[in-house]
Amino acid sequence: MSCSDQRLRELAKEIDDQKNQLANNINQLDTQLAQTKNSYMKVLGAEELIKIQLDEHAAKEKVEEDSGD
């Protein structure tokens, strides 16, 4: 095997290693993104529940004020 062939094989292995590392990075980032989206959706749900409870509380206070008059 000539020096050039050996160097090309080394470069091919380096590129393959880099490709595999990047694929792993993408998989990890995909997982992190999915977890972040899930957390975001939970926060949106909690926010909506709080808004509903605040509206119900305000409506209840309004009824109590109206009946107290």
Protein backbone atom coordinates (compact mmCIF):
# COMPACT_ATOMS: atom_id res chain seq x y z
CA MET A 1 0.00 0.00 0.00
CA SER A 2 1.38 3.34 -0.95
CA CYS A 3 1.69 6.26 1.41
CA SER A 4 -1.11 8.02 -0.39
CA ASP A 5 -3.48 5.05 0.01
CA GLN A 6 -2.69 4.84 3.71
CA ARG A 7 -3.33 8.53 4.23
CA LEU A 8 -6.62 8.31 2.33
CA ARG A 9 -7.73 5.41 4.54
CA GLU A 10 -6.79 7.40 7.65
CA LEU A 11 -8.78 10.37 6.39
CA ALA A 12 -11.71 8.11 5.59
CA LYS A 13 -11.62 6.73 9.17
CA GLU A 14 -11.39 10.24 10.65
CA ILE A 15 -14.36 11.35 8.57
CA ASP A 16 -16.32 8.24 9.59
CA ASP A 17 -15.53 8.88 13.26
CA GLN A 18 -16.58 12.51 12.90
CA LYS A 19 -19.80 11.46 11.14
CA ASN A 20 -20.63 9.06 13.97
CA GLN A 21 -19.91 11.68 16.62
CA LEU A 22 -22.12 14.21 14.86
CA ALA A 23 -24.92 11.64 14.55
CA ASN A 24 -24.65 11.00 18.30
CA ASN A 25 -24.74 14.74 18.98
CA ILE A 26 -27.87 15.09 16.84
CA ASN A 27 -29.57 12.24 18.72
CA GLN A 28 -28.71 13.82 22.08
CA LEU A 29 -29.98 17.21 20.95
CA ASP A 30 -33.19 15.65 19.60
CA THR A 31 -33.76 14.06 23.01
CA GLN A 32 -33.08 17.35 24.80
CA LEU A 33 -35.41 19.19 22.45
CA ALA A 34 -38.19 16.67 23.03
CA GLN A 35 -37.74 17.00 26.81
CA THR A 36 -37.74 20.79 26.59
CA LYS A 37 -40.90 20.77 24.46
CA ASN A 38 -42.56 18.47 26.99
CA SER A 39 -41.62 20.76 29.85
CA TYR A 40 -42.86 23.76 27.89
CA MET A 41 -46.22 22.10 27.27
CA LYS A 42 -46.53 21.30 30.98
CA VAL A 43 -45.82 24.94 31.86
CA LEU A 44 -48.44 26.10 29.35
CA GLY A 45 -50.94 23.70 30.90
CA ALA A 46 -50.15 24.92 34.40
CA GLU A 47 -50.47 28.51 33.25
CA GLU A 48 -53.88 27.78 31.74
CA LEU A 49 -55.06 26.09 34.94
CA ILE A 50 -53.98 29.08 37.03
CA LYS A 51 -55.81 31.47 34.70
CA ILE A 52 -58.97 29.37 34.95
CA GLN A 53 -58.73 29.28 38.74
CA LEU A 54 -58.14 33.03 38.91
CA ASP A 55 -61.18 33.65 36.67
CA GLU A 56 -63.32 31.32 38.81
CA HIS A 57 -62.12 33.01 41.99
CA ALA A 58 -62.87 36.46 40.58
CA ALA A 59 -66.33 35.34 39.46
CA LYS A 60 -67.04 33.87 42.91
CA GLU A 61 -65.96 37.08 44.61
CA LYS A 62 -68.17 39.07 42.24
CA VAL A 63 -71.18 36.88 43.11
CA GLU A 64 -70.46 37.24 46.81
CA GLU A 65 -70.16 41.03 46.46
CA ASP A 66 -73.41 41.20 44.49
CA SER A 67 -75.28 39.10 47.04
CA GLY A 68 -73.88 41.14 49.92
CA ASP A 69 -75.40 44.34 48.54
